[in-house]
Protein backbone atom coordinates (compact mmCIF):
# COMPACT_ATOMS: atom_id res chain seq x y z
CA UNK A 1 6.36 -8.80 -11.64
CA UNK A 2 5.35 -10.28 -8.28
CA UNK A 3 7.40 -10.60 -5.10
CA UNK A 4 8.09 -14.28 -5.77
CA UNK A 5 9.44 -13.45 -9.22
CA UNK A 6 11.98 -11.20 -7.51
CA UNK A 7 12.90 -13.78 -4.88
CA UNK A 8 13.00 -16.81 -7.17
CA UNK A 9 16.52 -16.21 -8.61
CA UNK A 10 17.94 -16.09 -5.08
CA UNK A 11 16.07 -19.22 -4.03
CA UNK A 12 17.14 -21.07 -7.17
CA UNK A 13 20.76 -20.06 -6.54
CA UNK A 14 20.92 -22.28 -3.46
CA UNK A 15 20.41 -26.06 -3.23
CA UNK A 16 16.74 -26.99 -3.63
CA UNK A 17 16.39 -28.66 -0.23
CA UNK A 18 17.94 -25.60 1.44
CA UNK A 19 15.50 -23.37 -0.47
CA UNK A 20 12.61 -25.59 0.59
CA UNK A 21 13.65 -25.44 4.24
CA UNK A 22 14.02 -21.65 4.04
CA UNK A 23 10.52 -21.30 2.58
CA UNK A 24 9.20 -23.69 5.20
CA UNK A 25 10.70 -21.63 8.04
CA UNK A 26 9.15 -18.47 6.62
CA UNK A 27 5.72 -20.09 6.47
CA UNK A 28 6.16 -21.47 9.97
CA UNK A 29 7.20 -18.02 11.21
CA UNK A 30 4.10 -16.23 9.93
CA UNK A 31 1.65 -18.94 10.89
CA UNK A 32 -0.74 -17.73 13.55
CA UNK A 33 0.33 -14.09 13.21
CA UNK A 34 -1.57 -11.23 11.55
CA UNK A 35 0.45 -11.97 8.41
CA UNK A 36 -1.63 -15.12 7.95
CA UNK A 37 -4.75 -12.99 7.63
CA UNK A 38 -3.04 -10.76 5.08
CA UNK A 39 -2.04 -13.81 3.07
CA UNK A 40 -5.60 -15.11 3.17
CA UNK A 41 -6.97 -11.80 1.90
CA UNK A 42 -4.45 -11.80 -0.95
CA UNK A 43 -4.54 -15.43 -2.01
CA UNK A 44 -7.68 -17.21 -0.80
CA UNK A 45 -10.71 -17.29 -3.11
CA UNK A 46 -14.10 -17.79 -1.50
CA UNK A 47 -16.62 -18.84 -4.13
CA UNK A 48 -19.28 -21.53 -3.64
CA UNK A 49 -18.81 -22.70 -7.24
CA UNK A 50 -15.40 -24.06 -6.24
CA UNK A 51 -16.64 -26.14 -3.32
CA UNK A 52 -16.38 -29.91 -3.63
CA UNK A 53 -17.74 -32.62 -1.35
CA UNK A 54 -15.76 -35.87 -1.50
CA UNK A 55 -15.33 -38.88 0.80
CA UNK A 56 -17.33 -37.18 3.52
CA UNK A 57 -15.29 -33.98 3.56
CA UNK A 58 -16.09 -30.53 2.24
CA UNK A 59 -13.30 -28.82 0.30
CA UNK A 60 -13.66 -25.03 -0.17
CA UNK A 61 -11.65 -25.25 -3.38
CA UNK A 62 -10.49 -28.29 -5.38
CA UNK A 63 -6.79 -27.34 -5.28
CA UNK A 64 -4.70 -28.79 -2.46
CA UNK A 65 -1.11 -29.33 -1.42
CA UNK A 66 0.27 -32.81 -2.10
CA UNK A 67 2.13 -34.85 0.47
CA UNK A 68 5.85 -34.16 0.66
CA UNK A 69 5.74 -30.40 1.08
CA UNK A 70 4.79 -30.34 4.77
CA UNK A 71 6.19 -33.64 5.99
CA UNK A 72 5.87 -32.89 9.71
CA UNK A 73 2.57 -30.97 9.74
CA UNK A 74 4.27 -27.70 10.64
CA UNK A 75 2.60 -25.25 8.21
CA UNK A 76 -0.98 -26.32 7.39
CA UNK A 77 -2.54 -23.02 8.50
CA UNK A 78 -0.10 -20.97 6.42
CA UNK A 79 -0.73 -23.15 3.36
CA UNK A 80 -4.49 -22.83 3.81
CA UNK A 81 -4.02 -19.05 3.94
CA UNK A 82 -2.43 -19.27 0.48
CA UNK A 83 -5.78 -20.43 -0.87
CA UNK A 84 -5.34 -24.19 -0.85
CA UNK A 85 -8.55 -26.12 -0.22
CA UNK A 86 -6.81 -28.93 1.64
CA UNK A 87 -3.36 -29.86 2.88
CA UNK A 88 -1.98 -33.40 2.88
CA UNK A 89 0.87 -33.72 5.37
CA UNK A 90 3.52 -36.42 5.49
CA UNK A 91 4.54 -39.00 4.49
CA UNK A 92 4.62 -39.92 8.14
CA UNK A 93 6.24 -43.15 9.30
CA UNK A 94 5.98 -45.00 12.60
CA UNK A 95 9.63 -44.29 13.34
CA UNK A 96 11.33 -40.96 12.86
CA UNK A 97 13.91 -41.22 10.11
CA UNK A 98 16.43 -38.95 8.45
CA UNK A 99 15.80 -40.21 4.92
CA UNK A 100 18.37 -40.76 2.22
CA UNK A 101 21.76 -39.07 1.98
CA UNK A 102 21.95 -35.57 0.51
CA UNK A 103 21.74 -34.30 -2.14
CA UNK A 104 18.34 -35.88 -2.64
CA UNK A 105 16.24 -33.17 -4.31
CA UNK A 106 17.03 -31.86 -7.79
CA UNK A 107 15.56 -29.15 -9.98
CA UNK A 108 15.09 -29.50 -13.72
CA UNK A 109 14.24 -25.85 -14.51
CA UNK A 110 13.95 -26.21 -18.28
CA UNK A 111 11.44 -29.00 -17.71
CA UNK A 112 9.69 -27.37 -14.71
CA UNK A 113 10.24 -30.63 -12.90
CA UNK A 114 11.81 -32.05 -9.76
CA UNK A 115 13.47 -35.35 -8.99
CA UNK A 116 13.51 -36.44 -5.38
CA UNK A 117 14.83 -39.41 -3.46
CA UNK A 118 14.04 -38.03 -0.02
CA UNK A 119 13.23 -41.41 1.55
CA UNK A 120 10.34 -40.45 3.86
CA UNK A 121 12.43 -38.14 6.06
CA UNK A 122 10.14 -37.10 8.93
CA UNK A 123 10.01 -36.81 12.70
CA UNK A 124 7.89 -39.92 13.13
CA UNK A 125 4.30 -40.67 14.07
CA UNK A 126 4.62 -39.77 17.77
CA UNK A 127 6.00 -36.29 17.08
CA UNK A 128 3.70 -35.50 14.15
CA UNK A 129 0.65 -36.84 15.96
CA UNK A 130 1.45 -34.76 19.03
CA UNK A 131 1.86 -31.62 16.90
CA UNK A 132 -1.44 -32.20 15.11
CA UNK A 133 -3.20 -32.73 18.43
CA UNK A 134 -1.58 -29.69 20.07
CA UNK A 135 -1.62 -26.94 17.44
CA UNK A 136 -4.66 -25.23 15.93
CA UNK A 137 -5.69 -26.60 12.56
CA UNK A 138 -7.01 -24.67 9.55
CA UNK A 139 -10.62 -24.67 8.42
CA UNK A 140 -9.77 -26.91 5.46
CA UNK A 141 -9.43 -30.71 5.47
CA UNK A 142 -6.11 -32.11 6.64
CA UNK A 143 -5.01 -35.38 5.10
CA UNK A 144 -2.27 -37.53 6.59
CA UNK A 145 -0.12 -39.54 4.20
CA UNK A 146 1.19 -42.70 5.88
CA UNK A 147 4.31 -44.53 4.73
CA UNK A 148 6.26 -47.56 5.90
CA UNK A 149 9.30 -47.12 8.14
CA UNK A 150 12.47 -48.06 6.25
CA UNK A 151 13.62 -50.44 9.01
CA UNK A 152 10.32 -52.35 9.10
CA UNK A 153 10.33 -55.65 7.18
CA UNK A 154 7.68 -55.88 4.48
CA UNK A 155 5.97 -58.70 6.38
CA UNK A 156 5.42 -56.35 9.33
CA UNK A 157 4.16 -53.44 7.22
CA UNK A 158 0.47 -53.72 8.27
CA UNK A 159 1.29 -53.17 11.95
CA UNK A 160 3.69 -50.35 11.03
CA UNK A 161 0.98 -48.52 9.08
CA UNK A 162 -1.54 -49.14 11.86
CA UNK A 163 0.74 -47.63 14.51
CA UNK A 164 1.14 -44.45 12.49
CA UNK A 165 -2.57 -44.21 11.80
CA UNK A 166 -3.45 -44.55 15.49
CA UNK A 167 -1.05 -41.72 16.41
CA UNK A 168 -2.57 -39.27 13.91
CA UNK A 169 -6.16 -40.49 13.93
CA UNK A 170 -7.68 -37.76 16.08
CA UNK A 171 -6.52 -34.80 14.00
CA UNK A 172 -6.59 -36.13 10.45
CA UNK A 173 -9.65 -35.58 8.25
CA UNK A 174 -8.61 -38.32 5.82
CA UNK A 175 -5.79 -40.85 5.63
CA UNK A 176 -3.70 -42.01 2.69
CA UNK A 177 -1.82 -45.30 2.46
CA UNK A 178 1.35 -44.61 0.50
CA UNK A 179 2.71 -47.80 -1.04
CA UNK A 180 3.92 -46.08 -4.21
CA UNK A 181 6.91 -43.91 -3.31
CA UNK A 182 9.96 -45.09 -5.28
CA UNK A 183 12.39 -43.99 -2.56
CA UNK A 184 11.91 -46.61 0.18
CA UNK A 185 13.43 -49.99 -0.75
CA UNK A 186 10.78 -52.59 -1.46
CA UNK A 187 7.84 -50.27 -0.81
CA UNK A 188 6.29 -50.62 -4.25
CA UNK A 189 6.14 -54.39 -3.73
CA UNK A 190 3.27 -53.62 -1.34
CA UNK A 191 1.10 -52.59 -4.30
CA UNK A 192 0.40 -56.22 -5.14
CA UNK A 193 -3.09 -57.39 -4.32
CA UNK A 194 -2.27 -59.65 -1.37
CA UNK A 195 -0.14 -57.03 0.39
CA UNK A 196 -2.69 -54.30 -0.22
CA UNK A 197 -5.48 -56.45 1.19
CA UNK A 198 -3.52 -57.05 4.37
CA UNK A 199 -2.40 -53.45 4.92
CA UNK A 200 -5.69 -51.82 4.01
CA UNK A 201 -7.70 -54.45 5.84
CA UNK A 202 -5.67 -53.81 8.99
CA UNK A 203 -6.40 -50.08 8.76
CA UNK A 204 -10.09 -50.65 8.06
CA UNK A 205 -10.23 -52.84 11.17
CA UNK A 206 -8.53 -50.03 13.11
CA UNK A 207 -11.31 -47.65 12.06
CA UNK A 208 -9.36 -45.58 9.54
CA UNK A 209 -11.86 -43.44 7.65
CA UNK A 210 -11.92 -41.81 5.19
CA UNK A 211 -9.19 -44.09 3.87
CA UNK A 212 -7.52 -43.65 0.47
CA UNK A 213 -4.69 -45.41 -1.33
CA UNK A 214 -2.05 -43.66 -3.46
CA UNK A 215 -1.01 -45.53 -6.59
CA UNK A 216 2.11 -45.33 -8.73
CA UNK A 217 1.93 -44.14 -12.36
CA UNK A 218 4.38 -46.95 -13.17
CA UNK A 219 1.93 -49.75 -12.35
CA UNK A 220 0.76 -51.82 -15.33
CA UNK A 221 -2.95 -51.61 -16.03
CA UNK A 222 -3.64 -55.06 -14.63
CA UNK A 223 -2.05 -54.16 -11.30
CA UNK A 224 -4.09 -50.95 -11.11
CA UNK A 225 -7.25 -52.97 -11.73
CA UNK A 226 -6.25 -55.40 -8.96
CA UNK A 227 -5.72 -52.48 -6.59
CA UNK A 228 -9.11 -51.04 -7.47
CA UNK A 229 -10.74 -54.39 -6.80
CA UNK A 230 -9.26 -54.25 -3.28
CA UNK A 231 -10.53 -50.68 -2.90
CA UNK A 232 -14.06 -51.78 -3.80
CA UNK A 233 -14.02 -54.99 -1.75
CA UNK A 234 -12.81 -53.24 1.42
CA UNK A 235 -15.04 -50.21 0.93
CA UNK A 236 -12.25 -47.65 0.77
CA UNK A 237 -13.19 -44.02 0.28
CA UNK A 238 -10.93 -42.84 -2.53
CA UNK A 239 -7.87 -43.24 -4.73
CA UNK A 240 -5.00 -40.84 -5.33
CA UNK A 241 -3.60 -40.97 -8.87
CA UNK A 242 -0.74 -40.67 -8.91
CA UNK A 243 2.74 -40.56 -7.34
CA UNK A 244 6.11 -39.70 -8.88
CA UNK A 245 7.60 -41.85 -11.63
CA UNK A 246 10.97 -43.53 -11.97
CA UNK A 247 10.71 -43.34 -15.75
CA UNK A 248 12.38 -40.53 -17.68
CA UNK A 249 10.51 -39.14 -20.70
CA UNK A 250 12.75 -38.57 -23.70
CA UNK A 251 11.77 -34.89 -23.78
CA UNK A 252 13.62 -34.09 -20.53
CA UNK A 253 16.33 -31.51 -21.20
CA UNK A 254 18.17 -30.84 -17.92
CA UNK A 255 21.24 -32.94 -17.02
CA UNK A 256 19.65 -33.76 -13.65
CA UNK A 257 17.40 -36.15 -15.56
CA UNK A 258 20.05 -38.78 -14.82
CA UNK A 259 19.50 -38.56 -11.06
CA UNK A 260 17.77 -41.45 -9.30
CA UNK A 261 14.40 -40.89 -7.66
CA UNK A 262 10.86 -39.90 -8.44
CA UNK A 263 10.16 -37.40 -11.21
CA UNK A 264 7.37 -34.86 -10.69
CA UNK A 265 6.11 -31.78 -12.48
CA UNK A 266 5.24 -30.89 -16.04
CA UNK A 267 6.76 -33.93 -17.80
CA UNK A 268 4.35 -36.33 -16.05
CA UNK A 269 1.20 -34.23 -16.41
CA UNK A 270 -0.41 -36.03 -19.34
CA UNK A 271 0.48 -39.44 -17.98
CA UNK A 272 -1.01 -38.60 -14.58
CA UNK A 273 -4.20 -37.34 -16.22
CA UNK A 274 -4.45 -40.57 -18.18
CA UNK A 275 -4.20 -42.53 -14.95
CA UNK A 276 -6.91 -40.39 -13.35
CA UNK A 277 -9.16 -41.27 -16.28
CA UNK A 278 -8.24 -44.97 -16.12
CA UNK A 279 -9.05 -45.12 -12.41
CA UNK A 280 -12.21 -43.03 -12.63
CA UNK A 281 -13.61 -45.28 -15.34
CA UNK A 282 -13.17 -48.32 -13.10
CA UNK A 283 -14.33 -47.23 -9.66
CA UNK A 284 -17.12 -45.18 -8.15
CA UNK A 285 -15.04 -43.71 -5.32
CA UNK A 286 -13.68 -40.15 -5.62
CA UNK A 287 -10.32 -39.75 -7.34
CA UNK A 288 -7.65 -37.23 -6.31
CA UNK A 289 -5.63 -36.08 -9.33
CA UNK A 290 -1.92 -35.42 -8.81
CA UNK A 291 0.93 -34.96 -11.24
CA UNK A 292 2.07 -31.91 -13.17
CA UNK A 293 -0.76 -29.57 -12.16
CA UNK A 294 0.57 -26.05 -12.68
CA UNK A 295 -2.31 -24.03 -14.11
CA UNK A 296 -6.09 -23.96 -14.41
CA UNK A 297 -6.10 -25.82 -17.72
CA UNK A 298 -4.16 -28.73 -16.24
CA UNK A 299 -6.33 -28.87 -13.13
CA UNK A 300 -9.47 -28.70 -15.26
CA UNK A 301 -8.24 -31.54 -17.49
CA UNK A 302 -7.87 -33.79 -14.46
CA UNK A 303 -11.28 -32.75 -13.13
CA UNK A 304 -12.95 -33.48 -16.47
CA UNK A 305 -11.06 -36.80 -16.53
CA UNK A 306 -12.71 -37.76 -13.24
CA UNK A 307 -10.76 -36.10 -10.40
CA UNK A 308 -12.95 -34.60 -7.68
CA UNK A 309 -10.02 -32.62 -6.30
CA UNK A 310 -6.41 -32.08 -7.39
CA UNK A 311 -3.08 -31.62 -5.65
CA UNK A 312 0.24 -30.04 -6.49
CA UNK A 313 3.72 -29.57 -5.08
CA UNK A 314 6.24 -28.95 -7.87
CA UNK A 315 4.26 -26.01 -9.27
CA UNK A 316 4.46 -24.31 -5.88
CA UNK A 317 8.25 -24.36 -6.27
CA UNK A 318 8.21 -22.91 -9.77
CA UNK A 319 5.20 -20.58 -9.63
CA UNK A 320 5.21 -19.42 -6.01
CA UNK A 321 2.52 -18.66 -3.41
CA UNK A 322 -0.09 -17.37 -5.86
CA UNK A 323 -0.51 -20.70 -7.63
CA UNK A 324 -3.71 -21.83 -5.87
CA UNK A 325 -5.37 -18.44 -6.36
CA UNK A 326 -4.43 -18.35 -10.04
CA UNK A 327 -5.72 -21.88 -10.66
CA UNK A 328 -8.97 -21.24 -8.82
CA UNK A 329 -9.59 -18.03 -10.75
CA UNK A 330 -8.90 -19.85 -13.99
CA UNK A 331 -11.22 -22.70 -13.04
CA UNK A 332 -14.09 -20.26 -12.57
CA UNK A 333 -13.46 -18.88 -16.06
CA UNK A 334 -13.38 -22.39 -17.54
CA UNK A 335 -16.60 -23.35 -15.77
CA UNK A 336 -18.29 -20.27 -17.21
CA UNK A 337 -16.93 -21.02 -20.67
CA UNK A 338 -18.29 -24.56 -20.65
CA UNK A 339 -21.59 -23.84 -18.94
CA UNK A 340 -20.94 -25.64 -15.65
CA UNK A 341 -22.33 -24.08 -12.49
CA UNK A 342 -19.83 -25.73 -10.15
CA UNK A 343 -16.62 -27.73 -10.17
CA UNK A 344 -18.61 -30.79 -9.12
CA UNK A 345 -20.66 -30.52 -12.30
CA UNK A 346 -17.48 -30.79 -14.37
CA UNK A 347 -16.06 -33.86 -12.62
CA UNK A 348 -15.83 -36.68 -15.15
CA UNK A 349 -17.26 -34.63 -18.01
CA UNK A 350 -14.87 -36.27 -20.47
CA UNK A 351 -15.63 -39.83 -19.44
CA UNK A 352 -17.71 -42.03 -21.71
């Protein structure tokens, strides 16, 4: 039994947002100290077979941290020390905002899932940009997930996104337009083709690169195809598939399934993998697979479905700090089993 197995009952005995903040403070406290090196020796896996090159960046491993865990870019070095091959911070908005009223994060332990309606709570682009510029960054790519400020009218969204991008541009290695969170009123309306063209075009004009867009798993196929047409026409660098879902699979067991917000974790894994495949079959840009990744088999399924790299958040809550190491070790075994020399060789292996 590992240390996290011993600590988990205590963490799960307190409200999930309190537990998250406690974990976050611990990571922040050890960052930049000798403890970081000890974490790296325990959790980081250095193997060239795991390296992936995508949208102009080199990822030492394909397993990264999804947006939402480190909203204010406070712990990227500590997360990299846990073996993650990239860290996506945010969502960051132009204005600092407190988010929705608490409680707004809910565990579904029997389902190994979370429901959140956080509402893009973050310190704002000025504060996050200043921190990224001031503090040392890890030797793994840092992505910045950009959302719309709640107070900004939809018609003014392009300028809102541009302001945030310009404040984080110097430190970010890639940038993600988030128009798919279910927790900001009206945000998902920006996934229609006309709105996407305006927002993404504004960021392309501002020099945002590499630039990716994060899509909702709740979009109908036609809307996804429209979004991918915009990606191709504007020359974007990648697509993230996918975000949380507002739908509730019938198999959910925990009473918290009735809470409003976005569902993440195990119950959306297959659906997210299907969307990775759908996107990968229709575009040539790299795909980032997100949704329910909790072990090597799940990560490998998304890679074979067309994901160049994968991300997780919910599994970090349920499995603890060894999750990236365990997935990376398992990926090496799966590559050997199937005769692939590298992760890159396996990307899209299941596509027609």
